[in-house]
Amino acid sequence: MRSVSLLALVLALSASSASAEKLRISYASVSGNTAIVTYVTERAGLFKKYNLDTEIILITGGPAAVSALINGDVDLDLRAPIAALQAMAHGIKLTFLVSQSNTLDYDVVTRPEIRDVKQLKGKRVGIIRFGGISELMVRYLFQRLGLDPDKDIQIIQVGQARLISLEKGALEATVLSSGESYYARRMGFRVLDMPTLPFFGSAIVASPSWVAKKPDTVQRFLKAYLEGARFFLREKAKSLAYLKDFLRLSDAEALEVTYKTHPQHQMGLRPVADMSAAKATIDIMAARDPLVGKLKPEEIFTLQPLAELEKSGFIKQLEAAH
């Protein structure tokens, strides 16, 4: 009897695994914040709980990710919304399901002798590449701080070697994510105090046709993702262990900073886009691509699936659960 019961259990588990729906999710980079909650959700077994067999795929470069979504090579994409907004402005059908960040989580990092942003007038500010998120951050930040990014500073493309360029004196400043700026401070660079600014910094992107065809899959993904967000916020020790694996980072202090500065702490369990943050992003992008300026914040999102979870009481149950 025991062997028969064991066989039945094995068969049941195999059937469950075989019936799990495949879900392909792409992300931008290991160093960024965009994939962290999704990775924690997967490691915690929460996608499996909702019968989803997730494959998390690294795709560097926004245009390549947009292409993968359009071609059906991936189902969802996690990254800064820059390439998606540009594609949408030029007629490509994409939509945002969730906002992962509504405030700017980048810092202005300078050489030690620079104590105030006004001292950067006429100075060199490094970005990874023109047209990317780092250029957008520089333009947005310096504009909000009272400097004209086209007249008052020199924007220089230096690739990933921004800290090395700062160290050698080839730059006076750059912008880095809050986690990255921790290393800059340890190296002796200065991190300037920044005001809290609205910005649509990270999102979960999908094709509208996929969302329309897969409403149940979307709901199950969102349920798992929200449970993963709760796990991330409430199970710190386990989340740090998962982050250590994902980021391949053994520095305990750096892991702590990465965890504490993650935007999920501000988003909580209601990852709804702040339309003023979306508008701020569209406005700064429109300076380089006027067609982006024609996008309306309330039309670039598909908010119904998240609203349905709110209405059903699912999110309140998550918040109340211990």
C-alpha atoms as a PDB file:
ATOM      1  CA  MET A   1       0.000   0.000   0.000  1.00  0.00           C
ATOM      2  CA  ARG A   2       2.799   2.367   0.856  1.00  0.00           C
ATOM      3  CA  SER A   3       4.511   1.909  -2.551  1.00  0.00           C
ATOM      4  CA  VAL A   4       1.198   2.495  -4.317  1.00  0.00           C
ATOM      5  CA  SER A   5       0.611   5.719  -2.352  1.00  0.00           C
ATOM      6  CA  LEU A   6       4.140   6.896  -3.140  1.00  0.00           C
ATOM      7  CA  LEU A   7       3.631   6.171  -6.832  1.00  0.00           C
ATOM      8  CA  ALA A   8       0.352   8.085  -6.794  1.00  0.00           C
ATOM      9  CA  LEU A   9       2.098  11.073  -5.184  1.00  0.00           C
ATOM     10  CA  VAL A  10       4.895  11.052  -7.769  1.00  0.00           C
ATOM     11  CA  LEU A  11       2.365  10.882 -10.607  1.00  0.00           C
ATOM     12  CA  ALA A  12       0.336  13.706  -9.114  1.00  0.00           C
ATOM     13  CA  LEU A  13       3.409  15.918  -8.776  1.00  0.00           C
ATOM     14  CA  SER A  14       4.501  15.101 -12.339  1.00  0.00           C
ATOM     15  CA  ALA A  15       1.041  15.949 -13.682  1.00  0.00           C
ATOM     16  CA  SER A  16       1.040  19.233 -11.767  1.00  0.00           C
ATOM     17  CA  SER A  17       4.473  20.140 -13.153  1.00  0.00           C
ATOM     18  CA  ALA A  18       3.478  19.203 -16.681  1.00  0.00           C
ATOM     19  CA  SER A  19       0.329  21.349 -16.514  1.00  0.00           C
ATOM     20  CA  ALA A  20       2.131  24.471 -15.268  1.00  0.00           C
ATOM     21  CA  GLU A  21       1.907  27.255 -17.818  1.00  0.00           C
ATOM     22  CA  LYS A  22       5.177  28.511 -19.255  1.00  0.00           C
ATOM     23  CA  LEU A  23       5.783  32.221 -18.679  1.00  0.00           C
ATOM     24  CA  ARG A  24       8.856  33.923 -20.160  1.00  0.00           C
ATOM     25  CA  ILE A  25       9.963  37.110 -18.409  1.00  0.00           C
ATOM     26  CA  SER A  26      12.859  39.254 -19.612  1.00  0.00           C
ATOM     27  CA  TYR A  27      14.797  41.782 -17.555  1.00  0.00           C
ATOM     28  CA  ALA A  28      17.380  44.481 -18.203  1.00  0.00           C
ATOM     29  CA  SER A  29      20.372  43.792 -15.990  1.00  0.00           C
ATOM     30  CA  VAL A  30      21.548  42.110 -12.816  1.00  0.00           C
ATOM     31  CA  SER A  31      22.695  45.428 -11.338  1.00  0.00           C
ATOM     32  CA  GLY A  32      19.335  47.180 -11.572  1.00  0.00           C
ATOM     33  CA  ASN A  33      16.239  47.010  -9.367  1.00  0.00           C
ATOM     34  CA  THR A  34      13.772  45.872 -12.028  1.00  0.00           C
ATOM     35  CA  ALA A  35      14.057  42.088 -11.657  1.00  0.00           C
ATOM     36  CA  ILE A  36      14.716  41.763  -7.926  1.00  0.00           C
ATOM     37  CA  VAL A  37      11.131  41.245  -6.699  1.00  0.00           C
ATOM     38  CA  THR A  38      10.385  38.861  -9.584  1.00  0.00           C
ATOM     39  CA  TYR A  39      13.504  36.825  -8.803  1.00  0.00           C
ATOM     40  CA  VAL A  40      12.591  36.672  -5.103  1.00  0.00           C
ATOM     41  CA  THR A  41       9.063  35.613  -6.086  1.00  0.00           C
ATOM     42  CA  GLU A  42      10.452  32.767  -8.158  1.00  0.00           C
ATOM     43  CA  ARG A  43      12.906  31.612  -5.489  1.00  0.00           C
ATOM     44  CA  ALA A  44      10.143  31.659  -2.874  1.00  0.00           C
ATOM     45  CA  GLY A  45       8.105  29.265  -5.033  1.00  0.00           C
ATOM     46  CA  LEU A  46       5.219  31.683  -5.475  1.00  0.00           C
ATOM     47  CA  PHE A  47       4.956  31.402  -9.252  1.00  0.00           C
ATOM     48  CA  LYS A  48       4.666  27.632  -8.849  1.00  0.00           C
ATOM     49  CA  LYS A  49       1.898  28.226  -6.302  1.00  0.00           C
ATOM     50  CA  TYR A  50      -0.123  29.811  -9.114  1.00  0.00           C
ATOM     51  CA  ASN A  51       0.796  27.099 -11.611  1.00  0.00           C
ATOM     52  CA  LEU A  52       3.280  29.183 -13.576  1.00  0.00           C
ATOM     53  CA  ASP A  53       6.564  27.798 -14.882  1.00  0.00           C
ATOM     54  CA  THR A  54       8.656  30.950 -15.160  1.00  0.00           C
ATOM     55  CA  GLU A  55      11.783  31.450 -17.219  1.00  0.00           C
ATOM     56  CA  ILE A  56      13.606  34.670 -16.359  1.00  0.00           C
ATOM     57  CA  ILE A  57      15.737  35.816 -19.295  1.00  0.00           C
ATOM     58  CA  LEU A  58      18.400  38.538 -19.432  1.00  0.00           C
ATOM     59  CA  ILE A  59      17.972  40.828 -22.454  1.00  0.00           C
ATOM     60  CA  THR A  60      20.321  43.802 -22.469  1.00  0.00           C
ATOM     61  CA  GLY A  61      19.047  46.825 -24.360  1.00  0.00           C
ATOM     62  CA  GLY A  62      15.516  48.192 -24.501  1.00  0.00           C
ATOM     63  CA  PRO A  63      15.058  47.885 -28.293  1.00  0.00           C
ATOM     64  CA  ALA A  64      15.940  44.178 -28.151  1.00  0.00           C
ATOM     65  CA  ALA A  65      13.416  43.677 -25.349  1.00  0.00           C
ATOM     66  CA  VAL A  66      10.702  45.484 -27.325  1.00  0.00           C
ATOM     67  CA  SER A  67      11.454  43.273 -30.311  1.00  0.00           C
ATOM     68  CA  ALA A  68      11.203  40.150 -28.131  1.00  0.00           C
ATOM     69  CA  LEU A  69       7.775  41.251 -26.857  1.00  0.00           C
ATOM     70  CA  ILE A  70       6.502  42.059 -30.340  1.00  0.00           C
ATOM     71  CA  ASN A  71       7.714  38.723 -31.750  1.00  0.00           C
ATOM     72  CA  GLY A  72       6.265  36.743 -28.842  1.00  0.00           C
ATOM     73  CA  ASP A  73       9.693  35.532 -27.724  1.00  0.00           C
ATOM     74  CA  VAL A  74       8.883  36.739 -24.186  1.00  0.00           C
ATOM     75  CA  ASP A  75       5.581  37.445 -22.465  1.00  0.00           C
ATOM     76  CA  LEU A  76       6.601  40.160 -20.015  1.00  0.00           C
ATOM     77  CA  ASP A  77       9.522  42.554 -19.727  1.00  0.00           C
ATOM     78  CA  LEU A  78      10.935  44.245 -16.614  1.00  0.00           C
ATOM     79  CA  ARG A  79      12.953  47.438 -17.098  1.00  0.00           C
ATOM     80  CA  ALA A  80      12.956  51.220 -17.314  1.00  0.00           C
ATOM     81  CA  PRO A  81      10.086  52.191 -19.652  1.00  0.00           C
ATOM     82  CA  ILE A  82      12.195  54.336 -21.997  1.00  0.00           C
ATOM     83  CA  ALA A  83      12.384  52.023 -25.030  1.00  0.00           C
ATOM     84  CA  ALA A  84       8.749  50.957 -24.612  1.00  0.00           C
ATOM     85  CA  LEU A  85       7.546  54.574 -24.539  1.00  0.00           C
ATOM     86  CA  GLN A  86       9.592  55.378 -27.635  1.00  0.00           C
ATOM     87  CA  ALA A  87       8.140  52.352 -29.419  1.00  0.00           C
ATOM     88  CA  MET A  88       4.589  53.260 -28.374  1.00  0.00           C
ATOM     89  CA  ALA A  89       5.078  56.806 -29.645  1.00  0.00           C
ATOM     90  CA  HIS A  90       5.998  55.366 -33.037  1.00  0.00           C
ATOM     91  CA  GLY A  91       2.972  53.089 -33.299  1.00  0.00           C
ATOM     92  CA  ILE A  92       4.079  49.856 -31.598  1.00  0.00           C
ATOM     93  CA  LYS A  93       1.360  48.336 -29.430  1.00  0.00           C
ATOM     94  CA  LEU A  94       2.642  47.868 -25.873  1.00  0.00           C
ATOM     95  CA  THR A  95       1.163  48.419 -22.432  1.00  0.00           C
ATOM     96  CA  PHE A  96       2.290  48.720 -18.813  1.00  0.00           C
ATOM     97  CA  LEU A  97       0.707  46.429 -16.221  1.00  0.00           C
ATOM     98  CA  VAL A  98       2.539  47.548 -13.109  1.00  0.00           C
ATOM     99  CA  SER A  99       4.715  50.433 -12.041  1.00  0.00           C
ATOM    100  CA  GLN A 100       7.769  49.282 -10.112  1.00  0.00           C
ATOM    101  CA  SER A 101       8.898  52.791  -9.209  1.00  0.00           C
ATOM    102  CA  ASN A 102       7.164  56.183  -9.070  1.00  0.00           C
ATOM    103  CA  THR A 103      10.048  58.228  -7.703  1.00  0.00           C
ATOM    104  CA  LEU A 104      13.557  58.783  -8.951  1.00  0.00           C
ATOM    105  CA  ASP A 105      15.995  56.351  -7.321  1.00  0.00           C
ATOM    106  CA  TYR A 106      19.152  57.804  -8.865  1.00  0.00           C
ATOM    107  CA  ASP A 107      21.814  59.960  -7.209  1.00  0.00           C
ATOM    108  CA  VAL A 108      24.171  62.612  -8.549  1.00  0.00           C
ATOM    109  CA  VAL A 109      27.684  61.377  -7.741  1.00  0.00           C
ATOM    110  CA  THR A 110      30.577  63.824  -7.986  1.00  0.00           C
ATOM    111  CA  ARG A 111      34.276  64.115  -7.384  1.00  0.00           C
ATOM    112  CA  PRO A 112      35.085  64.947  -3.731  1.00  0.00           C
ATOM    113  CA  GLU A 113      35.776  68.620  -4.389  1.00  0.00           C
ATOM    114  CA  ILE A 114      32.265  69.221  -5.746  1.00  0.00           C
ATOM    115  CA  ARG A 115      30.004  70.107  -2.809  1.00  0.00           C
ATOM    116  CA  ASP A 116      26.980  71.593  -4.531  1.00  0.00           C
ATOM    117  CA  VAL A 117      25.199  71.002  -7.820  1.00  0.00           C
ATOM    118  CA  LYS A 118      25.799  74.638  -8.810  1.00  0.00           C
ATOM    119  CA  GLN A 119      29.534  73.870  -8.933  1.00  0.00           C
ATOM    120  CA  LEU A 120      28.818  71.522 -11.831  1.00  0.00           C
ATOM    121  CA  LYS A 121      28.010  74.365 -14.214  1.00  0.00           C
ATOM    122  CA  GLY A 122      30.306  73.964 -17.212  1.00  0.00           C
ATOM    123  CA  LYS A 123      31.538  70.583 -15.942  1.00  0.00           C
ATOM    124  CA  ARG A 124      31.533  67.104 -17.555  1.00  0.00           C
ATOM    125  CA  VAL A 125      28.798  64.681 -16.578  1.00  0.00           C
ATOM    126  CA  GLY A 126      29.145  61.056 -17.714  1.00  0.00           C
ATOM    127  CA  ILE A 127      26.424  58.795 -19.079  1.00  0.00           C
ATOM    128  CA  ILE A 128      26.479  55.206 -20.377  1.00  0.00           C
ATOM    129  CA  ARG A 129      25.152  56.060 -23.826  1.00  0.00           C
ATOM    130  CA  PHE A 130      23.107  58.707 -25.584  1.00  0.00           C
ATOM    131  CA  GLY A 131      19.439  57.800 -25.771  1.00  0.00           C
ATOM    132  CA  GLY A 132      19.579  55.514 -22.735  1.00  0.00           C
ATOM    133  CA  ILE A 133      18.267  55.735 -19.192  1.00  0.00           C
ATOM    134  CA  SER A 134      21.462  57.362 -17.847  1.00  0.00           C
ATOM    135  CA  GLU A 135      21.161  60.309 -20.257  1.00  0.00           C
ATOM    136  CA  LEU A 136      17.504  60.718 -19.364  1.00  0.00           C
ATOM    137  CA  MET A 137      18.366  60.727 -15.659  1.00  0.00           C
ATOM    138  CA  VAL A 138      21.021  63.397 -16.166  1.00  0.00           C
ATOM    139  CA  ARG A 139      18.653  65.602 -18.139  1.00  0.00           C
ATOM    140  CA  TYR A 140      15.791  65.176 -15.715  1.00  0.00           C
ATOM    141  CA  LEU A 141      17.810  65.614 -12.536  1.00  0.00           C
ATOM    142  CA  PHE A 142      19.790  68.622 -13.677  1.00  0.00           C
ATOM    143  CA  GLN A 143      16.726  70.297 -15.143  1.00  0.00           C
ATOM    144  CA  ARG A 144      14.874  69.887 -11.849  1.00  0.00           C
ATOM    145  CA  LEU A 145      17.923  71.212  -9.985  1.00  0.00           C
ATOM    146  CA  GLY A 146      17.921  74.416 -12.013  1.00  0.00           C
ATOM    147  CA  LEU A 147      20.562  73.702 -14.668  1.00  0.00           C
ATOM    148  CA  ASP A 148      20.019  73.505 -18.424  1.00  0.00           C
ATOM    149  CA  PRO A 149      21.443  70.111 -19.473  1.00  0.00           C
ATOM    150  CA  ASP A 150      22.114  71.420 -23.007  1.00  0.00           C
ATOM    151  CA  LYS A 151      23.881  74.632 -21.973  1.00  0.00           C
ATOM    152  CA  ASP A 152      25.136  74.386 -18.407  1.00  0.00           C
ATOM    153  CA  ILE A 153      26.848  70.975 -18.424  1.00  0.00           C
ATOM    154  CA  GLN A 154      28.776  68.793 -20.866  1.00  0.00           C
ATOM    155  CA  ILE A 155      27.120  65.375 -21.253  1.00  0.00           C
ATOM    156  CA  ILE A 156      29.754  62.779 -22.182  1.00  0.00           C
ATOM    157  CA  GLN A 157      29.182  59.162 -23.217  1.00  0.00           C
ATOM    158  CA  VAL A 158      31.659  56.879 -21.427  1.00  0.00           C
ATOM    159  CA  GLY A 159      29.973  53.473 -21.346  1.00  0.00           C
ATOM    160  CA  GLN A 160      29.948  51.494 -18.114  1.00  0.00           C
ATOM    161  CA  ALA A 161      33.251  52.960 -16.904  1.00  0.00           C
ATOM    162  CA  ARG A 162      31.707  55.981 -15.191  1.00  0.00           C
ATOM    163  CA  LEU A 163      33.361  55.486 -11.795  1.00  0.00           C
ATOM    164  CA  ILE A 164      36.745  54.852 -13.424  1.00  0.00           C
ATOM    165  CA  SER A 165      36.302  58.037 -15.475  1.00  0.00           C
ATOM    166  CA  LEU A 166      35.468  59.956 -12.280  1.00  0.00           C
ATOM    167  CA  GLU A 167      38.501  58.507 -10.541  1.00  0.00           C
ATOM    168  CA  LYS A 168      40.809  59.529 -13.397  1.00  0.00           C
ATOM    169  CA  GLY A 169      39.372  63.044 -13.504  1.00  0.00           C
ATOM    170  CA  ALA A 170      37.827  62.638 -16.960  1.00  0.00           C
ATOM    171  CA  LEU A 171      34.428  63.526 -15.435  1.00  0.00           C
ATOM    172  CA  GLU A 172      33.227  65.693 -12.604  1.00  0.00           C
ATOM    173  CA  ALA A 173      29.922  63.872 -12.080  1.00  0.00           C
ATOM    174  CA  THR A 174      27.579  61.102 -13.153  1.00  0.00           C
ATOM    175  CA  VAL A 175      24.253  59.607 -12.060  1.00  0.00           C
ATOM    176  CA  LEU A 176      24.018  56.196 -10.391  1.00  0.00           C
ATOM    177  CA  SER A 177      21.263  54.108  -8.872  1.00  0.00           C
ATOM    178  CA  SER A 178      21.035  54.301  -5.088  1.00  0.00           C
ATOM    179  CA  GLY A 179      22.626  50.868  -4.747  1.00  0.00           C
ATOM    180  CA  GLU A 180      25.514  51.765  -7.058  1.00  0.00           C
ATOM    181  CA  SER A 181      26.135  55.100  -5.321  1.00  0.00           C
ATOM    182  CA  TYR A 182      26.983  53.134  -2.165  1.00  0.00           C
ATOM    183  CA  TYR A 183      30.179  51.932  -3.874  1.00  0.00           C
ATOM    184  CA  ALA A 184      30.942  55.427  -5.101  1.00  0.00           C
ATOM    185  CA  ARG A 185      30.734  56.774  -1.559  1.00  0.00           C
ATOM    186  CA  ARG A 186      33.043  54.000  -0.341  1.00  0.00           C
ATOM    187  CA  MET A 187      35.540  55.001  -3.046  1.00  0.00           C
ATOM    188  CA  GLY A 188      35.587  58.556  -1.688  1.00  0.00           C
ATOM    189  CA  PHE A 189      33.236  60.253  -4.131  1.00  0.00           C
ATOM    190  CA  ARG A 190      30.508  62.596  -2.962  1.00  0.00           C
ATOM    191  CA  VAL A 191      26.793  61.754  -3.277  1.00  0.00           C
ATOM    192  CA  LEU A 192      24.790  64.966  -3.382  1.00  0.00           C
ATOM    193  CA  ASP A 193      21.526  65.267  -1.474  1.00  0.00           C
ATOM    194  CA  MET A 194      18.621  65.037  -3.900  1.00  0.00           C
ATOM    195  CA  PRO A 195      14.977  65.997  -3.453  1.00  0.00           C
ATOM    196  CA  THR A 196      12.354  63.277  -3.905  1.00  0.00           C
ATOM    197  CA  LEU A 197      11.227  63.626  -7.520  1.00  0.00           C
ATOM    198  CA  PRO A 198       8.334  61.972  -9.376  1.00  0.00           C
ATOM    199  CA  PHE A 199       9.554  59.658 -12.114  1.00  0.00           C
ATOM    200  CA  PHE A 200       8.241  56.535 -13.839  1.00  0.00           C
ATOM    201  CA  GLY A 201      11.449  54.628 -13.428  1.00  0.00           C
ATOM    202  CA  SER A 202      10.605  50.959 -13.874  1.00  0.00           C
ATOM    203  CA  ALA A 203       7.686  48.914 -15.165  1.00  0.00           C
ATOM    204  CA  ILE A 204       6.306  45.549 -16.208  1.00  0.00           C
ATOM    205  CA  VAL A 205       5.598  45.718 -19.952  1.00  0.00           C
ATOM    206  CA  ALA A 206       3.449  43.453 -22.108  1.00  0.00           C
ATOM    207  CA  SER A 207       1.773  43.303 -25.481  1.00  0.00           C
ATOM    208  CA  PRO A 208      -1.921  44.333 -25.296  1.00  0.00           C
ATOM    209  CA  SER A 209      -2.860  41.374 -27.485  1.00  0.00           C
ATOM    210  CA  TRP A 210      -1.166  38.949 -25.049  1.00  0.00           C
ATOM    211  CA  VAL A 211      -2.952  40.591 -22.094  1.00  0.00           C
ATOM    212  CA  ALA A 212      -6.300  40.289 -23.912  1.00  0.00           C
ATOM    213  CA  LYS A 213      -5.718  36.630 -24.791  1.00  0.00           C
ATOM    214  CA  LYS A 214      -4.398  35.604 -21.369  1.00  0.00           C
ATOM    215  CA  PRO A 215      -6.512  37.326 -18.669  1.00  0.00           C
ATOM    216  CA  ASP A 216      -6.239  34.345 -16.303  1.00  0.00           C
ATOM    217  CA  THR A 217      -2.457  34.163 -16.769  1.00  0.00           C
ATOM    218  CA  VAL A 218      -2.168  37.882 -16.082  1.00  0.00           C
ATOM    219  CA  GLN A 219      -4.184  37.498 -12.880  1.00  0.00           C
ATOM    220  CA  ARG A 220      -2.088  34.564 -11.681  1.00  0.00           C
ATOM    221  CA  PHE A 221       1.127  36.401 -12.476  1.00  0.00           C
ATOM    222  CA  LEU A 222      -0.012  39.479 -10.564  1.00  0.00           C
ATOM    223  CA  LYS A 223      -1.120  37.411  -7.574  1.00  0.00           C
ATOM    224  CA  ALA A 224       2.265  35.684  -7.432  1.00  0.00           C
ATOM    225  CA  TYR A 225       4.112  38.975  -7.971  1.00  0.00           C
ATOM    226  CA  LEU A 226       2.199  40.719  -5.176  1.00  0.00           C
ATOM    227  CA  GLU A 227       2.791  37.804  -2.816  1.00  0.00           C
ATOM    228  CA  GLY A 228       6.441  38.038  -3.812  1.00  0.00           C
ATOM    229  CA  ALA A 229       6.448  41.743  -2.966  1.00  0.00           C
ATOM    230  CA  ARG A 230       5.002  40.948   0.462  1.00  0.00           C
ATOM    231  CA  PHE A 231       7.645  38.230   0.926  1.00  0.00           C
ATOM    232  CA  PHE A 232      10.370  40.724  -0.047  1.00  0.00           C
ATOM    233  CA  LEU A 233       9.105  43.303   2.433  1.00  0.00           C
ATOM    234  CA  ARG A 234       8.445  40.924   5.336  1.00  0.00           C
ATOM    235  CA  GLU A 235      11.011  38.152   4.932  1.00  0.00           C
ATOM    236  CA  LYS A 236      14.159  40.223   4.955  1.00  0.00           C
ATOM    237  CA  ALA A 237      16.646  37.492   5.865  1.00  0.00           C
ATOM    238  CA  LYS A 238      15.453  35.130   3.134  1.00  0.00           C
ATOM    239  CA  SER A 239      15.217  37.962   0.608  1.00  0.00           C
ATOM    240  CA  LEU A 240      18.798  38.991   1.349  1.00  0.00           C
ATOM    241  CA  ALA A 241      19.919  35.397   0.769  1.00  0.00           C
ATOM    242  CA  TYR A 242      18.155  35.363  -2.607  1.00  0.00           C
ATOM    243  CA  LEU A 243      19.619  38.775  -3.489  1.00  0.00           C
ATOM    244  CA  LYS A 244      23.079  37.466  -2.697  1.00  0.00           C
ATOM    245  CA  ASP A 245      22.609  34.730  -5.287  1.00  0.00           C
ATOM    246  CA  PHE A 246      20.976  36.944  -7.912  1.00  0.00           C
ATOM    247  CA  LEU A 247      23.460  39.803  -7.642  1.00  0.00           C
ATOM    248  CA  ARG A 248      26.415  37.497  -6.956  1.00  0.00           C
ATOM    249  CA  LEU A 249      27.262  39.833  -4.142  1.00  0.00           C
ATOM    250  CA  SER A 250      28.930  38.716  -0.916  1.00  0.00           C
ATOM    251  CA  ASP A 251      29.360  42.162   0.665  1.00  0.00           C
ATOM    252  CA  ALA A 252      26.796  42.127   3.523  1.00  0.00           C
ATOM    253  CA  GLU A 253      26.727  45.915   3.838  1.00  0.00           C
ATOM    254  CA  ALA A 254      26.167  46.362   0.097  1.00  0.00           C
ATOM    255  CA  LEU A 255      23.342  43.807   0.187  1.00  0.00           C
ATOM    256  CA  GLU A 256      21.734  45.687   3.062  1.00  0.00           C
ATOM    257  CA  VAL A 257      21.905  48.973   1.129  1.00  0.00           C
ATOM    258  CA  THR A 258      20.472  47.336  -1.988  1.00  0.00           C
ATOM    259  CA  TYR A 259      17.591  45.944   0.041  1.00  0.00           C
ATOM    260  CA  LYS A 260      16.834  49.142   1.956  1.00  0.00           C
ATOM    261  CA  THR A 261      16.924  51.401  -1.109  1.00  0.00           C
ATOM    262  CA  HIS A 262      14.753  49.174  -3.300  1.00  0.00           C
ATOM    263  CA  PRO A 263      11.657  51.058  -4.590  1.00  0.00           C
ATOM    264  CA  GLN A 264       9.318  48.291  -3.384  1.00  0.00           C
ATOM    265  CA  HIS A 265       9.506  49.827   0.084  1.00  0.00           C
ATOM    266  CA  GLN A 266       7.796  52.934  -1.332  1.00  0.00           C
ATOM    267  CA  MET A 267       5.411  51.021  -3.607  1.00  0.00           C
ATOM    268  CA  GLY A 268       4.140  48.614  -0.950  1.00  0.00           C
ATOM    269  CA  LEU A 269       1.560  46.125  -2.235  1.00  0.00           C
ATOM    270  CA  ARG A 270      -0.195  48.587  -4.527  1.00  0.00           C
ATOM    271  CA  PRO A 271       2.143  48.995  -7.533  1.00  0.00           C
ATOM    272  CA  VAL A 272      -0.150  51.493  -9.258  1.00  0.00           C
ATOM    273  CA  ALA A 273       1.425  54.105 -11.472  1.00  0.00           C
ATOM    274  CA  ASP A 274       1.500  57.697 -10.304  1.00  0.00           C
ATOM    275  CA  MET A 275       0.273  59.576 -13.380  1.00  0.00           C
ATOM    276  CA  SER A 276       2.295  62.658 -12.433  1.00  0.00           C
ATOM    277  CA  ALA A 277       5.424  60.472 -12.444  1.00  0.00           C
ATOM    278  CA  ALA A 278       4.485  59.074 -15.869  1.00  0.00           C
ATOM    279  CA  LYS A 279       3.874  62.593 -17.178  1.00  0.00           C
ATOM    280  CA  ALA A 280       7.236  63.808 -15.853  1.00  0.00           C
ATOM    281  CA  THR A 281       8.948  60.964 -17.740  1.00  0.00           C
ATOM    282  CA  ILE A 282       7.006  61.629 -20.950  1.00  0.00           C
ATOM    283  CA  ASP A 283       7.763  65.366 -20.753  1.00  0.00           C
ATOM    284  CA  ILE A 284      11.524  64.932 -20.382  1.00  0.00           C
ATOM    285  CA  MET A 285      11.611  62.345 -23.184  1.00  0.00           C
ATOM    286  CA  ALA A 286       9.587  64.636 -25.459  1.00  0.00           C
ATOM    287  CA  ALA A 287      12.493  67.083 -25.557  1.00  0.00           C
ATOM    288  CA  ARG A 288      14.402  64.517 -27.645  1.00  0.00           C
ATOM    289  CA  ASP A 289      11.442  62.801 -29.362  1.00  0.00           C
ATOM    290  CA  PRO A 290       8.378  65.072 -29.808  1.00  0.00           C
ATOM    291  CA  LEU A 291       6.165  62.083 -30.670  1.00  0.00           C
ATOM    292  CA  VAL A 292       6.592  60.801 -27.109  1.00  0.00           C
ATOM    293  CA  GLY A 293       5.025  64.038 -25.923  1.00  0.00           C
ATOM    294  CA  LYS A 294       1.752  63.013 -27.595  1.00  0.00           C
ATOM    295  CA  LEU A 295       1.376  59.984 -25.310  1.00  0.00           C
ATOM    296  CA  LYS A 296      -1.178  60.368 -22.535  1.00  0.00           C
ATOM    297  CA  PRO A 297      -0.204  58.829 -19.168  1.00  0.00           C
ATOM    298  CA  GLU A 298      -3.645  57.337 -18.531  1.00  0.00           C
ATOM    299  CA  GLU A 299      -3.614  55.568 -21.934  1.00  0.00           C
ATOM    300  CA  ILE A 300      -0.288  53.758 -21.665  1.00  0.00           C
ATOM    301  CA  PHE A 301      -1.408  51.456 -18.819  1.00  0.00           C
ATOM    302  CA  THR A 302      -3.716  48.464 -18.557  1.00  0.00           C
ATOM    303  CA  LEU A 303      -4.840  48.897 -14.958  1.00  0.00           C
ATOM    304  CA  GLN A 304      -7.929  46.678 -14.982  1.00  0.00           C
ATOM    305  CA  PRO A 305      -6.208  43.424 -13.850  1.00  0.00           C
ATOM    306  CA  LEU A 306      -4.690  45.147 -10.813  1.00  0.00           C
ATOM    307  CA  ALA A 307      -7.992  46.926 -10.091  1.00  0.00           C
ATOM    308  CA  GLU A 308      -9.793  43.582 -10.160  1.00  0.00           C
ATOM    309  CA  LEU A 309      -7.420  42.196  -7.539  1.00  0.00           C
ATOM    310  CA  GLU A 310      -8.017  45.267  -5.408  1.00  0.00           C
ATOM    311  CA  LYS A 311     -11.797  44.943  -5.767  1.00  0.00           C
ATOM    312  CA  SER A 312     -11.727  41.229  -4.906  1.00  0.00           C
ATOM    313  CA  GLY A 313     -10.021  41.957  -1.597  1.00  0.00           C
ATOM    314  CA  PHE A 314      -6.885  40.006  -2.550  1.00  0.00           C
ATOM    315  CA  ILE A 315      -4.498  42.886  -1.783  1.00  0.00           C
ATOM    316  CA  LYS A 316      -6.141  43.655   1.570  1.00  0.00           C
ATOM    317  CA  GLN A 317      -5.831  39.997   2.496  1.00  0.00           C
ATOM    318  CA  LEU A 318      -2.128  40.097   1.669  1.00  0.00           C
ATOM    319  CA  GLU A 319      -1.611  43.212   3.765  1.00  0.00           C
ATOM    320  CA  ALA A 320      -3.479  41.684   6.704  1.00  0.00           C
ATOM    321  CA  ALA A 321      -1.761  38.300   6.565  1.00  0.00           C
ATOM    322  CA  HIS A 322       1.031  37.580   9.039  1.00  0.00           C
END
